[in-house]
Amino acid sequence: MNGICFLCGKWKPLELHHVFGASNRKKSEKYGYVVHLCHDCHNEPPNGVHHNAEAMLRLHQQYQRIHEQTYSREHFMQVFG
């Protein structure tokens, strides 16, 4: 699927990224915490979120704030740990 990358804003083929992955992957889907990223922003070193801890942290913080505004910090901690 082509579209606009959530991070770089370029029109490219997109890949789905679960903001909270691993054991929280299904929870990310449940709450809609998935973003569309181009391959470079998703999975290419050094800037792709799977290779760049700072970029991943920014996404985590952004979606934690969204969750806490909708629910609460306590709820976020219960769901995502």
PDB file of N, CA and C in Angstrom:
ATOM      1  N   MET A   1       0.851  -1.180   0.000  1.00  0.00           N
ATOM      2  CA  MET A   1       0.000   0.000   0.000  1.00  0.00           C
ATOM      3  C   MET A   1       0.893   1.239   0.000  1.00  0.00           C
ATOM      4  N   ASN A   2       0.590   2.186  -0.827  1.00  0.00           N
ATOM      5  CA  ASN A   2       1.311   3.458  -0.862  1.00  0.00           C
ATOM      6  C   ASN A   2       0.565   4.477  -0.026  1.00  0.00           C
ATOM      7  N   GLY A   3       1.295   5.400   0.547  1.00  0.00           N
ATOM      8  CA  GLY A   3       0.702   6.463   1.340  1.00  0.00           C
ATOM      9  C   GLY A   3       1.789   7.340   1.916  1.00  0.00           C
ATOM     10  N   ILE A   4       1.396   8.151   2.887  1.00  0.00           N
ATOM     11  CA  ILE A   4       2.312   9.098   3.515  1.00  0.00           C
ATOM     12  C   ILE A   4       2.873   8.474   4.789  1.00  0.00           C
ATOM     13  N   CYS A   5       4.188   8.440   4.887  1.00  0.00           N
ATOM     14  CA  CYS A   5       4.866   7.889   6.054  1.00  0.00           C
ATOM     15  C   CYS A   5       4.581   8.763   7.274  1.00  0.00           C
ATOM     16  N   PHE A   6       4.217   8.127   8.379  1.00  0.00           N
ATOM     17  CA  PHE A   6       3.904   8.824   9.626  1.00  0.00           C
ATOM     18  C   PHE A   6       5.090   9.647  10.129  1.00  0.00           C
ATOM     19  N   LEU A   7       6.305   9.198   9.870  1.00  0.00           N
ATOM     20  CA  LEU A   7       7.472   9.903  10.402  1.00  0.00           C
ATOM     21  C   LEU A   7       8.085  10.911   9.438  1.00  0.00           C
ATOM     22  N   CYS A   8       8.361  10.500   8.217  1.00  0.00           N
ATOM     23  CA  CYS A   8       9.059  11.410   7.300  1.00  0.00           C
ATOM     24  C   CYS A   8       8.121  12.216   6.408  1.00  0.00           C
ATOM     25  N   GLY A   9       6.865  11.771   6.306  1.00  0.00           N
ATOM     26  CA  GLY A   9       5.887  12.509   5.508  1.00  0.00           C
ATOM     27  C   GLY A   9       5.992  12.307   4.011  1.00  0.00           C
ATOM     28  N   LYS A  10       6.861  11.382   3.567  1.00  0.00           N
ATOM     29  CA  LYS A  10       7.013  11.137   2.132  1.00  0.00           C
ATOM     30  C   LYS A  10       5.989  10.115   1.652  1.00  0.00           C
ATOM     31  N   TRP A  11       5.602  10.261   0.388  1.00  0.00           N
ATOM     32  CA  TRP A  11       4.679   9.317  -0.257  1.00  0.00           C
ATOM     33  C   TRP A  11       5.504   8.128  -0.743  1.00  0.00           C
ATOM     34  N   LYS A  12       5.258   6.965  -0.144  1.00  0.00           N
ATOM     35  CA  LYS A  12       6.040   5.766  -0.460  1.00  0.00           C
ATOM     36  C   LYS A  12       5.203   4.538  -0.166  1.00  0.00           C
ATOM     37  N   PRO A  13       5.687   3.360  -0.567  1.00  0.00           N
ATOM     38  CA  PRO A  13       5.068   2.129  -0.074  1.00  0.00           C
ATOM     39  C   PRO A  13       5.224   2.079   1.449  1.00  0.00           C
ATOM     40  N   LEU A  14       4.186   1.631   2.121  1.00  0.00           N
ATOM     41  CA  LEU A  14       4.177   1.672   3.585  1.00  0.00           C
ATOM     42  C   LEU A  14       4.153   0.283   4.204  1.00  0.00           C
ATOM     43  N   GLU A  15       4.670   0.218   5.422  1.00  0.00           N
ATOM     44  CA  GLU A  15       4.661  -0.990   6.239  1.00  0.00           C
ATOM     45  C   GLU A  15       3.979  -0.634   7.553  1.00  0.00           C
ATOM     46  N   LEU A  16       3.293  -1.593   8.142  1.00  0.00           N
ATOM     47  CA  LEU A  16       2.588  -1.371   9.400  1.00  0.00           C
ATOM     48  C   LEU A  16       3.545  -1.586  10.568  1.00  0.00           C
ATOM     49  N   HIS A  17       3.596  -0.617  11.467  1.00  0.00           N
ATOM     50  CA  HIS A  17       4.443  -0.716  12.665  1.00  0.00           C
ATOM     51  C   HIS A  17       3.558  -0.662  13.903  1.00  0.00           C
ATOM     52  N   HIS A  18       3.697  -1.668  14.757  1.00  0.00           N
ATOM     53  CA  HIS A  18       2.995  -1.690  16.043  1.00  0.00           C
ATOM     54  C   HIS A  18       3.824  -0.880  17.033  1.00  0.00           C
ATOM     55  N   VAL A  19       3.251   0.197  17.552  1.00  0.00           N
ATOM     56  CA  VAL A  19       4.001   1.090  18.431  1.00  0.00           C
ATOM     57  C   VAL A  19       4.543   0.328  19.637  1.00  0.00           C
ATOM     58  N   PHE A  20       3.703  -0.486  20.242  1.00  0.00           N
ATOM     59  CA  PHE A  20       4.151  -1.327  21.350  1.00  0.00           C
ATOM     60  C   PHE A  20       4.161  -2.759  20.824  1.00  0.00           C
ATOM     61  N   GLY A  21       5.352  -3.274  20.569  1.00  0.00           N
ATOM     62  CA  GLY A  21       5.474  -4.562  19.914  1.00  0.00           C
ATOM     63  C   GLY A  21       5.650  -5.712  20.886  1.00  0.00           C
ATOM     64  N   ALA A  22       6.206  -6.780  20.360  1.00  0.00           N
ATOM     65  CA  ALA A  22       6.474  -8.020  21.108  1.00  0.00           C
ATOM     66  C   ALA A  22       5.201  -8.508  21.782  1.00  0.00           C
ATOM     67  N   SER A  23       5.230  -8.659  23.096  1.00  0.00           N
ATOM     68  CA  SER A  23       4.058  -9.202  23.805  1.00  0.00           C
ATOM     69  C   SER A  23       2.885  -8.230  23.806  1.00  0.00           C
ATOM     70  N   ASN A  24       3.117  -6.978  23.453  1.00  0.00           N
ATOM     71  CA  ASN A  24       2.052  -5.965  23.431  1.00  0.00           C
ATOM     72  C   ASN A  24       1.498  -5.719  22.031  1.00  0.00           C
ATOM     73  N   ARG A  25       1.900  -6.523  21.081  1.00  0.00           N
ATOM     74  CA  ARG A  25       1.480  -6.328  19.687  1.00  0.00           C
ATOM     75  C   ARG A  25      -0.044  -6.339  19.534  1.00  0.00           C
ATOM     76  N   LYS A  26      -0.708  -7.324  20.101  1.00  0.00           N
ATOM     77  CA  LYS A  26      -2.174  -7.415  20.005  1.00  0.00           C
ATOM     78  C   LYS A  26      -2.839  -6.242  20.704  1.00  0.00           C
ATOM     79  N   LYS A  27      -2.249  -5.789  21.804  1.00  0.00           N
ATOM     80  CA  LYS A  27      -2.805  -4.635  22.525  1.00  0.00           C
ATOM     81  C   LYS A  27      -2.654  -3.370  21.685  1.00  0.00           C
ATOM     82  N   SER A  28      -1.544  -3.235  20.984  1.00  0.00           N
ATOM     83  CA  SER A  28      -1.374  -2.093  20.080  1.00  0.00           C
ATOM     84  C   SER A  28      -2.470  -2.091  19.028  1.00  0.00           C
ATOM     85  N   GLU A  29      -2.778  -3.273  18.494  1.00  0.00           N
ATOM     86  CA  GLU A  29      -3.853  -3.372  17.501  1.00  0.00           C
ATOM     87  C   GLU A  29      -5.197  -3.010  18.125  1.00  0.00           C
ATOM     88  N   LYS A  30      -5.471  -3.524  19.319  1.00  0.00           N
ATOM     89  CA  LYS A  30      -6.744  -3.279  19.991  1.00  0.00           C
ATOM     90  C   LYS A  30      -6.992  -1.783  20.193  1.00  0.00           C
ATOM     91  N   TYR A  31      -5.957  -1.064  20.604  1.00  0.00           N
ATOM     92  CA  TYR A  31      -6.119   0.362  20.901  1.00  0.00           C
ATOM     93  C   TYR A  31      -5.811   1.260  19.704  1.00  0.00           C
ATOM     94  N   GLY A  32      -5.424   0.671  18.578  1.00  0.00           N
ATOM     95  CA  GLY A  32      -5.158   1.465  17.380  1.00  0.00           C
ATOM     96  C   GLY A  32      -3.798   2.117  17.384  1.00  0.00           C
ATOM     97  N   TYR A  33      -2.874   1.559  18.146  1.00  0.00           N
ATOM     98  CA  TYR A  33      -1.535   2.128  18.232  1.00  0.00           C
ATOM     99  C   TYR A  33      -0.625   1.479  17.195  1.00  0.00           C
ATOM    100  N   VAL A  34      -0.986   1.671  15.959  1.00  0.00           N
ATOM    101  CA  VAL A  34      -0.198   1.222  14.821  1.00  0.00           C
ATOM    102  C   VAL A  34      -0.029   2.416  13.892  1.00  0.00           C
ATOM    103  N   VAL A  35       1.122   2.495  13.260  1.00  0.00           N
ATOM    104  CA  VAL A  35       1.392   3.598  12.334  1.00  0.00           C
ATOM    105  C   VAL A  35       1.928   3.016  11.036  1.00  0.00           C
ATOM    106  N   HIS A  36       1.736   3.759   9.962  1.00  0.00           N
ATOM    107  CA  HIS A  36       2.245   3.361   8.654  1.00  0.00           C
ATOM    108  C   HIS A  36       3.557   4.096   8.411  1.00  0.00           C
ATOM    109  N   LEU A  37       4.611   3.305   8.183  1.00  0.00           N
ATOM    110  CA  LEU A  37       5.938   3.866   7.970  1.00  0.00           C
ATOM    111  C   LEU A  37       6.505   3.358   6.650  1.00  0.00           C
ATOM    112  N   CYS A  38       7.300   4.200   6.006  1.00  0.00           N
ATOM    113  CA  CYS A  38       8.049   3.725   4.839  1.00  0.00           C
ATOM    114  C   CYS A  38       9.131   2.773   5.352  1.00  0.00           C
ATOM    115  N   HIS A  39       9.692   1.983   4.447  1.00  0.00           N
ATOM    116  CA  HIS A  39      10.684   0.990   4.857  1.00  0.00           C
ATOM    117  C   HIS A  39      11.888   1.644   5.542  1.00  0.00           C
ATOM    118  N   ASP A  40      12.332   2.784   5.036  1.00  0.00           N
ATOM    119  CA  ASP A  40      13.488   3.466   5.635  1.00  0.00           C
ATOM    120  C   ASP A  40      13.217   3.864   7.084  1.00  0.00           C
ATOM    121  N   CYS A  41      12.050   4.423   7.358  1.00  0.00           N
ATOM    122  CA  CYS A  41      11.709   4.852   8.722  1.00  0.00           C
ATOM    123  C   CYS A  41      11.347   3.675   9.619  1.00  0.00           C
ATOM    124  N   HIS A  42      10.986   2.561   9.009  1.00  0.00           N
ATOM    125  CA  HIS A  42      10.568   1.395   9.785  1.00  0.00           C
ATOM    126  C   HIS A  42      11.740   0.487  10.138  1.00  0.00           C
ATOM    127  N   ASN A  43      12.488   0.063   9.142  1.00  0.00           N
ATOM    128  CA  ASN A  43      13.396  -1.054   9.402  1.00  0.00           C
ATOM    129  C   ASN A  43      14.771  -0.923   8.764  1.00  0.00           C
ATOM    130  N   GLU A  44      15.226   0.274   8.484  1.00  0.00           N
ATOM    131  CA  GLU A  44      16.559   0.455   7.910  1.00  0.00           C
ATOM    132  C   GLU A  44      17.453   1.228   8.880  1.00  0.00           C
ATOM    133  N   PRO A  45      18.647   0.706   9.132  1.00  0.00           N
ATOM    134  CA  PRO A  45      19.582   1.453   9.966  1.00  0.00           C
ATOM    135  C   PRO A  45      20.051   2.707   9.230  1.00  0.00           C
ATOM    136  N   PRO A  46      20.412   3.759   9.886  1.00  0.00           N
ATOM    137  CA  PRO A  46      20.423   3.895  11.337  1.00  0.00           C
ATOM    138  C   PRO A  46      19.155   4.537  11.903  1.00  0.00           C
ATOM    139  N   ASN A  47      18.253   5.019  11.022  1.00  0.00           N
ATOM    140  CA  ASN A  47      17.125   5.819  11.505  1.00  0.00           C
ATOM    141  C   ASN A  47      15.808   5.076  11.662  1.00  0.00           C
ATOM    142  N   GLY A  48      15.697   3.897  11.094  1.00  0.00           N
ATOM    143  CA  GLY A  48      14.459   3.132  11.232  1.00  0.00           C
ATOM    144  C   GLY A  48      14.176   2.836  12.695  1.00  0.00           C
ATOM    145  N   VAL A  49      12.904   2.866  13.072  1.00  0.00           N
ATOM    146  CA  VAL A  49      12.556   2.734  14.498  1.00  0.00           C
ATOM    147  C   VAL A  49      13.035   1.424  15.110  1.00  0.00           C
ATOM    148  N   HIS A  50      13.236   0.391  14.314  1.00  0.00           N
ATOM    149  CA  HIS A  50      13.737  -0.868  14.869  1.00  0.00           C
ATOM    150  C   HIS A  50      15.252  -0.839  15.099  1.00  0.00           C
ATOM    151  N   HIS A  51      15.900   0.244  14.695  1.00  0.00           N
ATOM    152  CA  HIS A  51      17.345   0.392  14.872  1.00  0.00           C
ATOM    153  C   HIS A  51      17.702   1.664  15.631  1.00  0.00           C
ATOM    154  N   ASN A  52      16.741   2.497  15.920  1.00  0.00           N
ATOM    155  CA  ASN A  52      17.002   3.803  16.523  1.00  0.00           C
ATOM    156  C   ASN A  52      16.169   3.935  17.797  1.00  0.00           C
ATOM    157  N   ALA A  53      16.805   3.764  18.930  1.00  0.00           N
ATOM    158  CA  ALA A  53      16.109   3.775  20.219  1.00  0.00           C
ATOM    159  C   ALA A  53      15.417   5.113  20.479  1.00  0.00           C
ATOM    160  N   GLU A  54      16.015   6.198  20.041  1.00  0.00           N
ATOM    161  CA  GLU A  54      15.415   7.517  20.261  1.00  0.00           C
ATOM    162  C   GLU A  54      14.112   7.669  19.476  1.00  0.00           C
ATOM    163  N   ALA A  55      14.107   7.222  18.238  1.00  0.00           N
ATOM    164  CA  ALA A  55      12.888   7.294  17.417  1.00  0.00           C
ATOM    165  C   ALA A  55      11.793   6.411  18.010  1.00  0.00           C
ATOM    166  N   MET A  56      12.174   5.216  18.458  1.00  0.00           N
ATOM    167  CA  MET A  56      11.200   4.316  19.084  1.00  0.00           C
ATOM    168  C   MET A  56      10.651   4.931  20.368  1.00  0.00           C
ATOM    169  N   LEU A  57      11.520   5.529  21.175  1.00  0.00           N
ATOM    170  CA  LEU A  57      11.087   6.159  22.420  1.00  0.00           C
ATOM    171  C   LEU A  57      10.090   7.284  22.150  1.00  0.00           C
ATOM    172  N   ARG A  58      10.345   8.084  21.124  1.00  0.00           N
ATOM    173  CA  ARG A  58       9.414   9.180  20.790  1.00  0.00           C
ATOM    174  C   ARG A  58       8.032   8.635  20.443  1.00  0.00           C
ATOM    175  N   LEU A  59       7.968   7.556  19.674  1.00  0.00           N
ATOM    176  CA  LEU A  59       6.676   6.944  19.353  1.00  0.00           C
ATOM    177  C   LEU A  59       6.006   6.407  20.612  1.00  0.00           C
ATOM    178  N   HIS A  60       6.771   5.714  21.449  1.00  0.00           N
ATOM    179  CA  HIS A  60       6.209   5.185  22.703  1.00  0.00           C
ATOM    180  C   HIS A  60       5.642   6.311  23.561  1.00  0.00           C
ATOM    181  N   GLN A  61       6.401   7.380  23.712  1.00  0.00           N
ATOM    182  CA  GLN A  61       5.943   8.505  24.545  1.00  0.00           C
ATOM    183  C   GLN A  61       4.698   9.162  23.966  1.00  0.00           C
ATOM    184  N   GLN A  62       4.671   9.357  22.663  1.00  0.00           N
ATOM    185  CA  GLN A  62       3.516   9.981  22.015  1.00  0.00           C
ATOM    186  C   GLN A  62       2.257   9.156  22.250  1.00  0.00           C
ATOM    187  N   TYR A  63       2.355   7.853  22.066  1.00  0.00           N
ATOM    188  CA  TYR A  63       1.168   7.013  22.209  1.00  0.00           C
ATOM    189  C   TYR A  63       0.825   6.739  23.671  1.00  0.00           C
ATOM    190  N   GLN A  64       1.792   6.809  24.550  1.00  0.00           N
ATOM    191  CA  GLN A  64       1.471   6.716  25.976  1.00  0.00           C
ATOM    192  C   GLN A  64       0.671   7.945  26.396  1.00  0.00           C
ATOM    193  N   ARG A  65       1.076   9.136  25.927  1.00  0.00           N
ATOM    194  CA  ARG A  65       0.319  10.363  26.233  1.00  0.00           C
ATOM    195  C   ARG A  65      -1.112  10.268  25.708  1.00  0.00           C
ATOM    196  N   ILE A  66      -1.267   9.767  24.487  1.00  0.00           N
ATOM    197  CA  ILE A  66      -2.604   9.610  23.913  1.00  0.00           C
ATOM    198  C   ILE A  66      -3.434   8.680  24.790  1.00  0.00           C
ATOM    199  N   HIS A  67      -2.848   7.568  25.190  1.00  0.00           N
ATOM    200  CA  HIS A  67      -3.578   6.604  26.017  1.00  0.00           C
ATOM    201  C   HIS A  67      -3.953   7.225  27.364  1.00  0.00           C
ATOM    202  N   GLU A  68      -3.025   7.921  27.980  1.00  0.00           N
ATOM    203  CA  GLU A  68      -3.286   8.512  29.296  1.00  0.00           C
ATOM    204  C   GLU A  68      -4.333   9.618  29.230  1.00  0.00           C
ATOM    205  N   GLN A  69      -4.409  10.344  28.122  1.00  0.00           N
ATOM    206  CA  GLN A  69      -5.444  11.364  27.970  1.00  0.00           C
ATOM    207  C   GLN A  69      -6.814  10.727  27.805  1.00  0.00           C
ATOM    208  N   THR A  70      -6.866   9.576  27.161  1.00  0.00           N
ATOM    209  CA  THR A  70      -8.133   8.885  26.935  1.00  0.00           C
ATOM    210  C   THR A  70      -8.561   8.083  28.157  1.00  0.00           C
ATOM    211  N   TYR A  71      -7.611   7.432  28.792  1.00  0.00           N
ATOM    212  CA  TYR A  71      -7.907   6.554  29.936  1.00  0.00           C
ATOM    213  C   TYR A  71      -7.248   7.149  31.183  1.00  0.00           C
ATOM    214  N   SER A  72      -6.108   6.642  31.568  1.00  0.00           N
ATOM    215  CA  SER A  72      -5.341   7.168  32.695  1.00  0.00           C
ATOM    216  C   SER A  72      -3.968   6.520  32.682  1.00  0.00           C
ATOM    217  N   ARG A  73      -3.051   7.075  33.466  1.00  0.00           N
ATOM    218  CA  ARG A  73      -1.721   6.479  33.577  1.00  0.00           C
ATOM    219  C   ARG A  73      -1.819   5.088  34.183  1.00  0.00           C
ATOM    220  N   GLU A  74      -2.688   4.948  35.170  1.00  0.00           N
ATOM    221  CA  GLU A  74      -2.860   3.653  35.817  1.00  0.00           C
ATOM    222  C   GLU A  74      -3.331   2.601  34.812  1.00  0.00           C
ATOM    223  N   HIS A  75      -4.265   3.005  33.949  1.00  0.00           N
ATOM    224  CA  HIS A  75      -4.770   2.078  32.923  1.00  0.00           C
ATOM    225  C   HIS A  75      -3.645   1.708  31.956  1.00  0.00           C
ATOM    226  N   PHE A  76      -2.845   2.689  31.560  1.00  0.00           N
ATOM    227  CA  PHE A  76      -1.732   2.398  30.666  1.00  0.00           C
ATOM    228  C   PHE A  76      -0.800   1.376  31.301  1.00  0.00           C
ATOM    229  N   MET A  77      -0.473   1.573  32.576  1.00  0.00           N
ATOM    230  CA  MET A  77       0.423   0.658  33.263  1.00  0.00           C
ATOM    231  C   MET A  77      -0.191  -0.746  33.394  1.00  0.00           C
ATOM    232  N   GLN A  78      -1.492  -0.815  33.619  1.00  0.00           N
ATOM    233  CA  GLN A  78      -2.156  -2.111  33.700  1.00  0.00           C
ATOM    234  C   GLN A  78      -2.105  -2.853  32.358  1.00  0.00           C
ATOM    235  N   VAL A  79      -2.321  -2.106  31.282  1.00  0.00           N
ATOM    236  CA  VAL A  79      -2.403  -2.725  29.960  1.00  0.00           C
ATOM    237  C   VAL A  79      -1.015  -3.025  29.400  1.00  0.00           C
ATOM    238  N   PHE A  80      -0.134  -2.035  29.434  1.00  0.00           N
ATOM    239  CA  PHE A  80       1.163  -2.157  28.748  1.00  0.00           C
ATOM    240  C   PHE A  80       2.337  -2.425  29.684  1.00  0.00           C
ATOM    241  N   GLY A  81       2.140  -2.237  30.970  1.00  0.00           N
ATOM    242  CA  GLY A  81       3.220  -2.498  31.936  1.00  0.00           C
ATOM    243  C   GLY A  81       4.286  -1.444  31.965  1.00  0.00           C
TER     244      GLY A  81
END
